[in-house]
C-alpha atoms as a PDB file:
ATOM      1  CA  UNK A   1     -48.451  38.086 -54.269  1.00  0.00           C
ATOM      2  CA  UNK A   2     -49.656  37.563 -51.492  1.00  0.00           C
ATOM      3  CA  UNK A   3     -47.657  38.337 -48.204  1.00  0.00           C
ATOM      4  CA  UNK A   4     -46.756  35.175 -46.340  1.00  0.00           C
ATOM      5  CA  UNK A   5     -48.033  34.077 -43.300  1.00  0.00           C
ATOM      6  CA  UNK A   6     -46.471  34.829 -40.359  1.00  0.00           C
ATOM      7  CA  UNK A   7     -46.223  31.874 -37.612  1.00  0.00           C
ATOM      8  CA  UNK A   8     -47.888  32.525 -34.196  1.00  0.00           C
ATOM      9  CA  UNK A   9     -46.444  31.039 -30.914  1.00  0.00           C
ATOM     10  CA  UNK A  10     -48.402  28.565 -29.578  1.00  0.00           C
ATOM     11  CA  UNK A  11     -47.272  27.607 -26.068  1.00  0.00           C
ATOM     12  CA  UNK A  12     -48.497  23.469 -26.347  1.00  0.00           C
ATOM     13  CA  UNK A  13     -50.600  21.122 -27.590  1.00  0.00           C
ATOM     14  CA  UNK A  14     -54.309  20.792 -26.571  1.00  0.00           C
ATOM     15  CA  UNK A  15     -54.379  18.221 -24.227  1.00  0.00           C
ATOM     16  CA  UNK A  16     -58.155  17.285 -25.925  1.00  0.00           C
ATOM     17  CA  UNK A  17     -58.181  17.569 -29.946  1.00  0.00           C
ATOM     18  CA  UNK A  18     -61.718  16.225 -30.534  1.00  0.00           C
ATOM     19  CA  UNK A  19     -65.076  17.470 -28.712  1.00  0.00           C
ATOM     20  CA  UNK A  20     -68.527  15.747 -29.410  1.00  0.00           C
ATOM     21  CA  UNK A  21     -72.004  16.058 -28.525  1.00  0.00           C
ATOM     22  CA  UNK A  22     -73.350  13.505 -26.383  1.00  0.00           C
ATOM     23  CA  UNK A  23     -76.318  13.095 -28.225  1.00  0.00           C
ATOM     24  CA  UNK A  24     -76.921  12.927 -31.692  1.00  0.00           C
ATOM     25  CA  UNK A  25     -78.249  11.960 -34.816  1.00  0.00           C
ATOM     26  CA  UNK A  26     -75.999  11.120 -37.197  1.00  0.00           C
ATOM     27  CA  UNK A  27     -71.938  11.998 -37.556  1.00  0.00           C
ATOM     28  CA  UNK A  28     -72.059  15.794 -38.356  1.00  0.00           C
ATOM     29  CA  UNK A  29     -68.224  16.930 -40.160  1.00  0.00           C
ATOM     30  CA  UNK A  30     -66.626  18.885 -37.372  1.00  0.00           C
ATOM     31  CA  UNK A  31     -65.776  22.539 -36.804  1.00  0.00           C
ATOM     32  CA  UNK A  32     -62.190  22.755 -37.611  1.00  0.00           C
ATOM     33  CA  UNK A  33     -60.492  24.788 -34.799  1.00  0.00           C
ATOM     34  CA  UNK A  34     -56.913  25.481 -35.579  1.00  0.00           C
ATOM     35  CA  UNK A  35     -54.161  25.452 -33.054  1.00  0.00           C
ATOM     36  CA  UNK A  36     -53.076  29.418 -33.751  1.00  0.00           C
ATOM     37  CA  UNK A  37     -57.268  29.883 -32.787  1.00  0.00           C
ATOM     38  CA  UNK A  38     -57.442  27.741 -29.884  1.00  0.00           C
ATOM     39  CA  UNK A  39     -54.539  29.677 -28.421  1.00  0.00           C
ATOM     40  CA  UNK A  40     -55.799  32.529 -29.075  1.00  0.00           C
ATOM     41  CA  UNK A  41     -58.993  31.412 -26.709  1.00  0.00           C
ATOM     42  CA  UNK A  42     -56.893  29.822 -24.255  1.00  0.00           C
ATOM     43  CA  UNK A  43     -55.152  33.342 -23.767  1.00  0.00           C
ATOM     44  CA  UNK A  44     -57.653  35.493 -23.919  1.00  0.00           C
ATOM     45  CA  UNK A  45     -60.789  33.800 -22.372  1.00  0.00           C
ATOM     46  CA  UNK A  46     -58.609  31.542 -19.796  1.00  0.00           C
ATOM     47  CA  UNK A  47     -56.381  32.791 -19.216  1.00  0.00           C
ATOM     48  CA  UNK A  48     -57.070  36.881 -19.061  1.00  0.00           C
ATOM     49  CA  UNK A  49     -54.764  37.935 -21.778  1.00  0.00           C
ATOM     50  CA  UNK A  50     -55.994  41.625 -22.903  1.00  0.00           C
ATOM     51  CA  UNK A  51     -55.798  41.400 -26.684  1.00  0.00           C
ATOM     52  CA  UNK A  52     -52.297  43.422 -26.711  1.00  0.00           C
ATOM     53  CA  UNK A  53     -51.438  40.878 -24.019  1.00  0.00           C
ATOM     54  CA  UNK A  54     -52.081  38.502 -26.702  1.00  0.00           C
ATOM     55  CA  UNK A  55     -50.177  39.292 -29.593  1.00  0.00           C
ATOM     56  CA  UNK A  56     -47.213  39.862 -27.721  1.00  0.00           C
ATOM     57  CA  UNK A  57     -47.038  36.251 -26.804  1.00  0.00           C
ATOM     58  CA  UNK A  58     -47.863  35.005 -29.458  1.00  0.00           C
ATOM     59  CA  UNK A  59     -45.625  36.911 -31.873  1.00  0.00           C
ATOM     60  CA  UNK A  60     -48.075  38.444 -34.162  1.00  0.00           C
ATOM     61  CA  UNK A  61     -49.854  42.107 -34.733  1.00  0.00           C
ATOM     62  CA  UNK A  62     -52.369  42.524 -32.936  1.00  0.00           C
ATOM     63  CA  UNK A  63     -55.253  42.780 -35.700  1.00  0.00           C
ATOM     64  CA  UNK A  64     -53.614  39.346 -36.429  1.00  0.00           C
ATOM     65  CA  UNK A  65     -55.247  38.654 -33.245  1.00  0.00           C
ATOM     66  CA  UNK A  66     -58.497  40.515 -33.604  1.00  0.00           C
ATOM     67  CA  UNK A  67     -58.767  37.834 -36.503  1.00  0.00           C
ATOM     68  CA  UNK A  68     -57.865  34.722 -35.124  1.00  0.00           C
ATOM     69  CA  UNK A  69     -59.949  35.853 -32.399  1.00  0.00           C
ATOM     70  CA  UNK A  70     -62.921  36.457 -33.548  1.00  0.00           C
ATOM     71  CA  UNK A  71     -62.721  33.540 -36.902  1.00  0.00           C
ATOM     72  CA  UNK A  72     -61.840  31.141 -32.989  1.00  0.00           C
ATOM     73  CA  UNK A  73     -65.817  32.594 -31.186  1.00  0.00           C
ATOM     74  CA  UNK A  74     -67.509  32.034 -34.489  1.00  0.00           C
ATOM     75  CA  UNK A  75     -66.581  28.653 -34.581  1.00  0.00           C
ATOM     76  CA  UNK A  76     -67.394  28.122 -31.120  1.00  0.00           C
ATOM     77  CA  UNK A  77     -70.376  29.973 -31.536  1.00  0.00           C
ATOM     78  CA  UNK A  78     -71.682  27.403 -34.093  1.00  0.00           C
ATOM     79  CA  UNK A  79     -70.058  24.098 -32.349  1.00  0.00           C
ATOM     80  CA  UNK A  80     -72.225  25.430 -28.641  1.00  0.00           C
ATOM     81  CA  UNK A  81     -75.795  26.501 -30.960  1.00  0.00           C
ATOM     82  CA  UNK A  82     -75.567  23.420 -34.120  1.00  0.00           C
ATOM     83  CA  UNK A  83     -74.500  21.175 -31.843  1.00  0.00           C
ATOM     84  CA  UNK A  84     -71.795  20.224 -34.269  1.00  0.00           C
ATOM     85  CA  UNK A  85     -68.187  18.107 -33.327  1.00  0.00           C
ATOM     86  CA  UNK A  86     -64.947  20.409 -32.737  1.00  0.00           C
ATOM     87  CA  UNK A  87     -62.002  19.059 -34.065  1.00  0.00           C
ATOM     88  CA  UNK A  88     -58.612  21.144 -32.731  1.00  0.00           C
ATOM     89  CA  UNK A  89     -55.527  21.174 -36.056  1.00  0.00           C
ATOM     90  CA  UNK A  90     -53.578  22.525 -38.269  1.00  0.00           C
ATOM     91  CA  UNK A  91     -52.804  26.265 -38.042  1.00  0.00           C
ATOM     92  CA  UNK A  92     -49.760  28.306 -38.960  1.00  0.00           C
ATOM     93  CA  UNK A  93     -47.867  28.164 -35.866  1.00  0.00           C
ATOM     94  CA  UNK A  94     -44.561  27.074 -33.803  1.00  0.00           C
ATOM     95  CA  UNK A  95     -43.975  25.635 -30.158  1.00  0.00           C
ATOM     96  CA  UNK A  96     -42.543  27.635 -27.579  1.00  0.00           C
ATOM     97  CA  UNK A  97     -39.265  26.403 -26.906  1.00  0.00           C
ATOM     98  CA  UNK A  98     -39.300  28.433 -23.463  1.00  0.00           C
ATOM     99  CA  UNK A  99     -36.471  30.558 -24.596  1.00  0.00           C
ATOM    100  CA  UNK A 100     -38.976  33.275 -25.801  1.00  0.00           C
ATOM    101  CA  UNK A 101     -39.633  36.727 -24.936  1.00  0.00           C
ATOM    102  CA  UNK A 102     -43.073  37.625 -23.710  1.00  0.00           C
ATOM    103  CA  UNK A 103     -44.278  33.847 -22.339  1.00  0.00           C
ATOM    104  CA  UNK A 104     -44.222  33.909 -18.737  1.00  0.00           C
ATOM    105  CA  UNK A 105     -41.335  32.598 -17.887  1.00  0.00           C
ATOM    106  CA  UNK A 106     -41.438  32.849 -13.864  1.00  0.00           C
ATOM    107  CA  UNK A 107     -44.087  29.940 -14.458  1.00  0.00           C
ATOM    108  CA  UNK A 108     -43.050  28.438 -17.667  1.00  0.00           C
ATOM    109  CA  UNK A 109     -41.509  24.787 -17.336  1.00  0.00           C
ATOM    110  CA  UNK A 110     -40.037  25.107 -20.547  1.00  0.00           C
ATOM    111  CA  UNK A 111     -38.345  27.454 -20.079  1.00  0.00           C
ATOM    112  CA  UNK A 112     -36.698  26.054 -16.111  1.00  0.00           C
ATOM    113  CA  UNK A 113     -35.210  23.311 -18.866  1.00  0.00           C
ATOM    114  CA  UNK A 114     -33.579  25.730 -21.433  1.00  0.00           C
ATOM    115  CA  UNK A 115     -31.984  27.683 -18.709  1.00  0.00           C
ATOM    116  CA  UNK A 116     -30.340  23.991 -17.608  1.00  0.00           C
ATOM    117  CA  UNK A 117     -29.842  23.151 -21.257  1.00  0.00           C
ATOM    118  CA  UNK A 118     -29.182  26.272 -23.426  1.00  0.00           C
ATOM    119  CA  UNK A 119     -26.122  25.363 -23.720  1.00  0.00           C
ATOM    120  CA  UNK A 120     -26.077  24.276 -27.295  1.00  0.00           C
ATOM    121  CA  UNK A 121     -25.826  20.486 -26.833  1.00  0.00           C
ATOM    122  CA  UNK A 122     -23.157  20.781 -30.071  1.00  0.00           C
ATOM    123  CA  UNK A 123     -23.502  19.960 -33.530  1.00  0.00           C
ATOM    124  CA  UNK A 124     -22.742  16.150 -33.805  1.00  0.00           C
ATOM    125  CA  UNK A 125     -24.454  15.497 -30.747  1.00  0.00           C
ATOM    126  CA  UNK A 126     -27.791  13.216 -30.928  1.00  0.00           C
ATOM    127  CA  UNK A 127     -29.705  13.366 -27.609  1.00  0.00           C
ATOM    128  CA  UNK A 128     -31.985  10.603 -27.598  1.00  0.00           C
ATOM    129  CA  UNK A 129     -35.131  10.783 -24.563  1.00  0.00           C
ATOM    130  CA  UNK A 130     -37.237   7.316 -23.218  1.00  0.00           C
ATOM    131  CA  UNK A 131     -39.979   7.337 -22.057  1.00  0.00           C
ATOM    132  CA  UNK A 132     -38.583   6.121 -18.524  1.00  0.00           C
ATOM    133  CA  UNK A 133     -39.671   3.709 -15.414  1.00  0.00           C
ATOM    134  CA  UNK A 134     -38.038   1.946 -13.524  1.00  0.00           C
ATOM    135  CA  UNK A 135     -35.189   0.990 -16.149  1.00  0.00           C
ATOM    136  CA  UNK A 136     -37.849   0.082 -18.201  1.00  0.00           C
ATOM    137  CA  UNK A 137     -39.914   2.070 -21.296  1.00  0.00           C
ATOM    138  CA  UNK A 138     -42.864   3.501 -20.209  1.00  0.00           C
ATOM    139  CA  UNK A 139     -46.071   2.407 -22.427  1.00  0.00           C
ATOM    140  CA  UNK A 140     -48.076   5.559 -22.473  1.00  0.00           C
ATOM    141  CA  UNK A 141     -46.419   8.526 -23.492  1.00  0.00           C
ATOM    142  CA  UNK A 142     -49.132  11.040 -22.353  1.00  0.00           C
ATOM    143  CA  UNK A 143     -48.534   9.548 -18.799  1.00  0.00           C
ATOM    144  CA  UNK A 144     -44.855   9.270 -18.530  1.00  0.00           C
ATOM    145  CA  UNK A 145     -43.732  11.267 -14.952  1.00  0.00           C
ATOM    146  CA  UNK A 146     -39.680  11.216 -16.308  1.00  0.00           C
ATOM    147  CA  UNK A 147     -37.338  10.838 -19.886  1.00  0.00           C
ATOM    148  CA  UNK A 148     -34.365   9.220 -19.661  1.00  0.00           C
ATOM    149  CA  UNK A 149     -32.360  11.523 -21.983  1.00  0.00           C
ATOM    150  CA  UNK A 150     -29.265   9.727 -23.493  1.00  0.00           C
ATOM    151  CA  UNK A 151     -26.583  11.734 -25.578  1.00  0.00           C
ATOM    152  CA  UNK A 152     -25.391   9.782 -28.547  1.00  0.00           C
ATOM    153  CA  UNK A 153     -21.937  10.554 -30.620  1.00  0.00           C
ATOM    154  CA  UNK A 154     -19.821   8.602 -33.487  1.00  0.00           C
ATOM    155  CA  UNK A 155     -22.446   5.734 -31.867  1.00  0.00           C
ATOM    156  CA  UNK A 156     -21.101   5.891 -28.892  1.00  0.00           C
ATOM    157  CA  UNK A 157     -23.484   6.784 -25.474  1.00  0.00           C
ATOM    158  CA  UNK A 158     -21.317   9.543 -24.026  1.00  0.00           C
ATOM    159  CA  UNK A 159     -24.066  10.930 -21.026  1.00  0.00           C
ATOM    160  CA  UNK A 160     -27.831  10.195 -19.720  1.00  0.00           C
ATOM    161  CA  UNK A 161     -29.686  11.873 -17.509  1.00  0.00           C
ATOM    162  CA  UNK A 162     -33.438  10.893 -15.897  1.00  0.00           C
ATOM    163  CA  UNK A 163     -35.381  14.378 -16.055  1.00  0.00           C
ATOM    164  CA  UNK A 164     -38.515  15.086 -14.174  1.00  0.00           C
ATOM    165  CA  UNK A 165     -41.625  15.939 -16.706  1.00  0.00           C
ATOM    166  CA  UNK A 166     -43.654  18.011 -13.745  1.00  0.00           C
ATOM    167  CA  UNK A 167     -46.358  16.621 -14.493  1.00  0.00           C
ATOM    168  CA  UNK A 168     -46.299  17.778 -18.100  1.00  0.00           C
ATOM    169  CA  UNK A 169     -49.164  15.818 -20.340  1.00  0.00           C
ATOM    170  CA  UNK A 170     -49.992  15.186 -23.895  1.00  0.00           C
ATOM    171  CA  UNK A 171     -49.119  17.853 -26.047  1.00  0.00           C
ATOM    172  CA  UNK A 172     -47.207  20.043 -23.383  1.00  0.00           C
ATOM    173  CA  UNK A 173     -44.581  16.894 -23.219  1.00  0.00           C
ATOM    174  CA  UNK A 174     -43.457  17.338 -26.819  1.00  0.00           C
ATOM    175  CA  UNK A 175     -42.324  21.118 -25.146  1.00  0.00           C
ATOM    176  CA  UNK A 176     -40.917  19.832 -22.482  1.00  0.00           C
ATOM    177  CA  UNK A 177     -38.497  17.492 -25.364  1.00  0.00           C
ATOM    178  CA  UNK A 178     -38.285  20.161 -27.744  1.00  0.00           C
ATOM    179  CA  UNK A 179     -37.130  22.552 -24.383  1.00  0.00           C
ATOM    180  CA  UNK A 180     -34.186  19.770 -23.900  1.00  0.00           C
ATOM    181  CA  UNK A 181     -33.047  19.274 -27.182  1.00  0.00           C
ATOM    182  CA  UNK A 182     -34.084  16.009 -28.128  1.00  0.00           C
ATOM    183  CA  UNK A 183     -33.737  14.839 -31.473  1.00  0.00           C
ATOM    184  CA  UNK A 184     -35.994  11.199 -31.041  1.00  0.00           C
ATOM    185  CA  UNK A 185     -38.061   9.884 -28.455  1.00  0.00           C
ATOM    186  CA  UNK A 186     -38.232   6.145 -27.817  1.00  0.00           C
ATOM    187  CA  UNK A 187     -41.645   5.227 -26.528  1.00  0.00           C
ATOM    188  CA  UNK A 188     -44.696   2.864 -26.316  1.00  0.00           C
ATOM    189  CA  UNK A 189     -47.808   3.546 -27.161  1.00  0.00           C
ATOM    190  CA  UNK A 190     -48.261   6.963 -28.470  1.00  0.00           C
ATOM    191  CA  UNK A 191     -51.713   9.169 -29.214  1.00  0.00           C
ATOM    192  CA  UNK A 192     -51.838  10.912 -32.369  1.00  0.00           C
ATOM    193  CA  UNK A 193     -51.999  14.437 -30.849  1.00  0.00           C
ATOM    194  CA  UNK A 194     -48.766  13.843 -29.271  1.00  0.00           C
ATOM    195  CA  UNK A 195     -47.530  12.622 -32.527  1.00  0.00           C
ATOM    196  CA  UNK A 196     -49.288  15.932 -34.067  1.00  0.00           C
ATOM    197  CA  UNK A 197     -47.271  18.144 -31.347  1.00  0.00           C
ATOM    198  CA  UNK A 198     -44.202  15.731 -32.406  1.00  0.00           C
ATOM    199  CA  UNK A 199     -43.532  16.007 -35.705  1.00  0.00           C
ATOM    200  CA  UNK A 200     -44.071  20.367 -35.268  1.00  0.00           C
ATOM    201  CA  UNK A 201     -40.591  20.207 -32.429  1.00  0.00           C
ATOM    202  CA  UNK A 202     -38.815  18.500 -35.149  1.00  0.00           C
ATOM    203  CA  UNK A 203     -38.419  15.359 -33.584  1.00  0.00           C
ATOM    204  CA  UNK A 204     -38.137  11.555 -34.778  1.00  0.00           C
ATOM    205  CA  UNK A 205     -40.794   9.220 -32.798  1.00  0.00           C
ATOM    206  CA  UNK A 206     -39.890   5.278 -32.652  1.00  0.00           C
ATOM    207  CA  UNK A 207     -43.268   4.108 -31.364  1.00  0.00           C
ATOM    208  CA  UNK A 208     -44.301   0.304 -30.053  1.00  0.00           C
ATOM    209  CA  UNK A 209     -41.200   0.101 -28.067  1.00  0.00           C
ATOM    210  CA  UNK A 210     -40.832  -1.925 -25.011  1.00  0.00           C
ATOM    211  CA  UNK A 211     -38.308  -3.471 -22.612  1.00  0.00           C
ATOM    212  CA  UNK A 212     -34.865  -1.847 -20.969  1.00  0.00           C
ATOM    213  CA  UNK A 213     -34.732   1.564 -21.715  1.00  0.00           C
ATOM    214  CA  UNK A 214     -31.168   1.467 -22.549  1.00  0.00           C
ATOM    215  CA  UNK A 215     -31.257  -1.501 -24.678  1.00  0.00           C
ATOM    216  CA  UNK A 216     -33.559   0.451 -26.840  1.00  0.00           C
ATOM    217  CA  UNK A 217     -31.322   2.825 -27.125  1.00  0.00           C
ATOM    218  CA  UNK A 218     -28.213   1.300 -27.738  1.00  0.00           C
ATOM    219  CA  UNK A 219     -30.022  -1.306 -30.731  1.00  0.00           C
ATOM    220  CA  UNK A 220     -31.140   2.373 -32.149  1.00  0.00           C
ATOM    221  CA  UNK A 221     -27.441   3.421 -32.106  1.00  0.00           C
ATOM    222  CA  UNK A 222     -26.393   0.119 -33.697  1.00  0.00           C
ATOM    223  CA  UNK A 223     -29.480   0.289 -36.345  1.00  0.00           C
ATOM    224  CA  UNK A 224     -31.513  -2.863 -35.253  1.00  0.00           C
ATOM    225  CA  UNK A 225     -34.671  -1.303 -32.920  1.00  0.00           C
ATOM    226  CA  UNK A 226     -37.737  -2.480 -34.081  1.00  0.00           C
ATOM    227  CA  UNK A 227     -40.924  -0.373 -33.439  1.00  0.00           C
ATOM    228  CA  UNK A 228     -43.779   0.651 -35.330  1.00  0.00           C
ATOM    229  CA  UNK A 229     -44.044   3.418 -37.698  1.00  0.00           C
ATOM    230  CA  UNK A 230     -48.037   3.216 -36.837  1.00  0.00           C
ATOM    231  CA  UNK A 231     -48.257   2.844 -33.649  1.00  0.00           C
ATOM    232  CA  UNK A 232     -51.686   4.595 -31.884  1.00  0.00           C
ATOM    233  CA  UNK A 233     -52.494   5.201 -28.488  1.00  0.00           C
ATOM    234  CA  UNK A 234     -54.508   2.398 -27.151  1.00  0.00           C
ATOM    235  CA  UNK A 235     -55.119   3.683 -23.924  1.00  0.00           C
ATOM    236  CA  UNK A 236     -59.270   5.356 -23.825  1.00  0.00           C
ATOM    237  CA  UNK A 237     -58.655   8.030 -21.490  1.00  0.00           C
ATOM    238  CA  UNK A 238     -60.603  10.250 -23.870  1.00  0.00           C
ATOM    239  CA  UNK A 239     -57.729  12.969 -24.370  1.00  0.00           C
ATOM    240  CA  UNK A 240     -55.826  12.448 -27.831  1.00  0.00           C
ATOM    241  CA  UNK A 241     -57.703  10.817 -30.634  1.00  0.00           C
ATOM    242  CA  UNK A 242     -57.181  12.822 -33.346  1.00  0.00           C
ATOM    243  CA  UNK A 243     -55.931  11.230 -36.545  1.00  0.00           C
ATOM    244  CA  UNK A 244     -51.869  13.211 -36.961  1.00  0.00           C
ATOM    245  CA  UNK A 245     -52.649  13.234 -40.382  1.00  0.00           C
ATOM    246  CA  UNK A 246     -53.804  16.968 -40.497  1.00  0.00           C
ATOM    247  CA  UNK A 247     -51.856  20.303 -40.787  1.00  0.00           C
ATOM    248  CA  UNK A 248     -48.477  19.183 -39.668  1.00  0.00           C
ATOM    249  CA  UNK A 249     -45.701  18.080 -41.461  1.00  0.00           C
ATOM    250  CA  UNK A 250     -47.159  19.987 -44.117  1.00  0.00           C
ATOM    251  CA  UNK A 251     -44.558  22.305 -46.263  1.00  0.00           C
ATOM    252  CA  UNK A 252     -47.060  25.228 -46.099  1.00  0.00           C
ATOM    253  CA  UNK A 253     -46.769  25.287 -42.564  1.00  0.00           C
ATOM    254  CA  UNK A 254     -44.569  26.263 -39.945  1.00  0.00           C
ATOM    255  CA  UNK A 255     -44.418  24.319 -37.258  1.00  0.00           C
ATOM    256  CA  UNK A 256     -40.878  22.857 -37.585  1.00  0.00           C
ATOM    257  CA  UNK A 257     -38.362  26.010 -36.423  1.00  0.00           C
ATOM    258  CA  UNK A 258     -39.740  29.448 -34.930  1.00  0.00           C
ATOM    259  CA  UNK A 259     -38.982  32.402 -37.175  1.00  0.00           C
ATOM    260  CA  UNK A 260     -35.549  33.904 -37.537  1.00  0.00           C
ATOM    261  CA  UNK A 261     -34.604  30.704 -35.448  1.00  0.00           C
ATOM    262  CA  UNK A 262     -32.952  28.468 -37.811  1.00  0.00           C
END
């Protein structure tokens, strides 16, 4: 019987999930680069980490990092040489919430949030975040500069505060919400990539909502919130238009909880 795959720690989802050749005769089937393969490329090739440092960061064996990295480089070579599209999705990974070791804590915004919110919020508290701007629900998740975070106990809002995102975008915002111990998100438009990241963090999504943030949370509490379960981002900024149906939420993957923490 094969050994179960150990999940790999990933800092955050990629900002861009799909790449296409600028000149192509006919659409080709994209090469699939998994999120954990992407992470080895980011850490080793962009950040300059050694393979040993990479395995410490991702909390897996060095031989596993070598195998993942080699696979990733081969896939990138095929994309470049053959001019094929590339899509980043799937894999066996869990999102870092800023409280693990070998995380570059001095630079990690999620660690800063975790330090502030490291006290467990309580079993009976539901924490809801809303993309926020001047009292209203900000309509583009990936560009939100603030969340308003609400604590709800027994159907009553007991606390709220406004949290800056520090310029985090798209996939990284899911890590912010995870570090804030958020259970649910209310927002306007949101792309497939961000939805994948939220699913990986175990955060319930209520998208396609507009109006006042406070009223939306009260409607959620009362069970009368109107939202769109099939919401997609309508802002064509070229950063997160990948389908959110692949990889996340699959029971064969490990996107919901880090190992030994659930």
